[in-house]
Amino acid sequence: MKLTLTLDDDMAARLELLRERRGVSWNEIVNEVIRRGLDVIERQSKTSKSKQ
């Protein structure tokens, strides 16, 4: 899926540093970061629900 995003300058800079260190494309780094972030959020959500 193609999508246009507007990133805050600080986020773009952090992504660029990570992208350069890993030697990957913008698509790869953005997908990885979003995927990892969603994994954390989903785990936290499951943990919160199990404590209720």
Protein backbone atom coordinates (compact mmCIF):
# COMPACT_ATOMS: atom_id res chain seq x y z
CA MET A 1 0.00 0.00 0.00
CA LYS A 2 1.30 3.43 -0.87
CA LEU A 3 0.87 6.15 1.73
CA THR A 4 2.13 9.68 2.18
CA LEU A 5 3.15 10.61 5.73
CA THR A 6 4.20 13.89 7.26
CA LEU A 7 6.81 13.22 9.94
CA ASP A 8 7.93 15.58 12.67
CA ASP A 9 11.52 16.70 12.05
CA ASP A 10 12.84 14.90 15.13
CA MET A 11 11.20 11.63 14.09
CA ALA A 12 12.53 11.91 10.54
CA ALA A 13 16.04 12.51 11.89
CA ARG A 14 15.84 9.50 14.21
CA LEU A 15 14.54 7.29 11.42
CA GLU A 16 17.27 8.50 9.06
CA LEU A 17 20.01 7.66 11.59
CA LEU A 18 18.54 4.22 12.17
CA ARG A 19 18.08 3.67 8.43
CA GLU A 20 21.71 4.58 7.73
CA ARG A 21 23.03 2.37 10.55
CA ARG A 22 21.04 -0.60 9.29
CA GLY A 23 21.72 0.09 5.62
CA VAL A 24 18.09 -0.34 4.64
CA SER A 25 15.53 1.61 2.62
CA TRP A 26 13.02 4.10 4.00
CA ASN A 27 10.24 1.59 3.35
CA GLU A 28 12.02 -1.10 5.33
CA ILE A 29 12.84 1.08 8.34
CA VAL A 30 9.39 2.65 8.55
CA ASN A 31 7.71 -0.76 8.33
CA GLU A 32 10.03 -2.22 10.98
CA VAL A 33 9.52 0.65 13.40
CA ILE A 34 5.74 0.64 12.99
CA ARG A 35 5.60 -3.16 13.30
CA ARG A 36 7.68 -3.14 16.50
CA GLY A 37 5.66 -0.28 17.96
CA LEU A 38 2.38 -2.04 17.23
CA ASP A 39 3.71 -5.26 18.80
CA VAL A 40 4.51 -3.37 22.02
CA ILE A 41 1.12 -1.64 22.09
CA GLU A 42 -0.72 -4.91 21.48
CA ARG A 43 1.25 -6.71 24.22
CA GLN A 44 0.55 -3.87 26.68
CA SER A 45 -3.13 -3.96 25.77
CA LYS A 46 -3.32 -7.73 26.36
CA THR A 47 -1.47 -7.36 29.68
CA SER A 48 -3.83 -4.59 30.83
CA LYS A 49 -6.90 -6.66 29.96
CA SER A 50 -5.60 -9.76 31.76
CA LYS A 51 -5.04 -7.74 34.97
CA GLN A 52 -8.67 -6.56 35.06
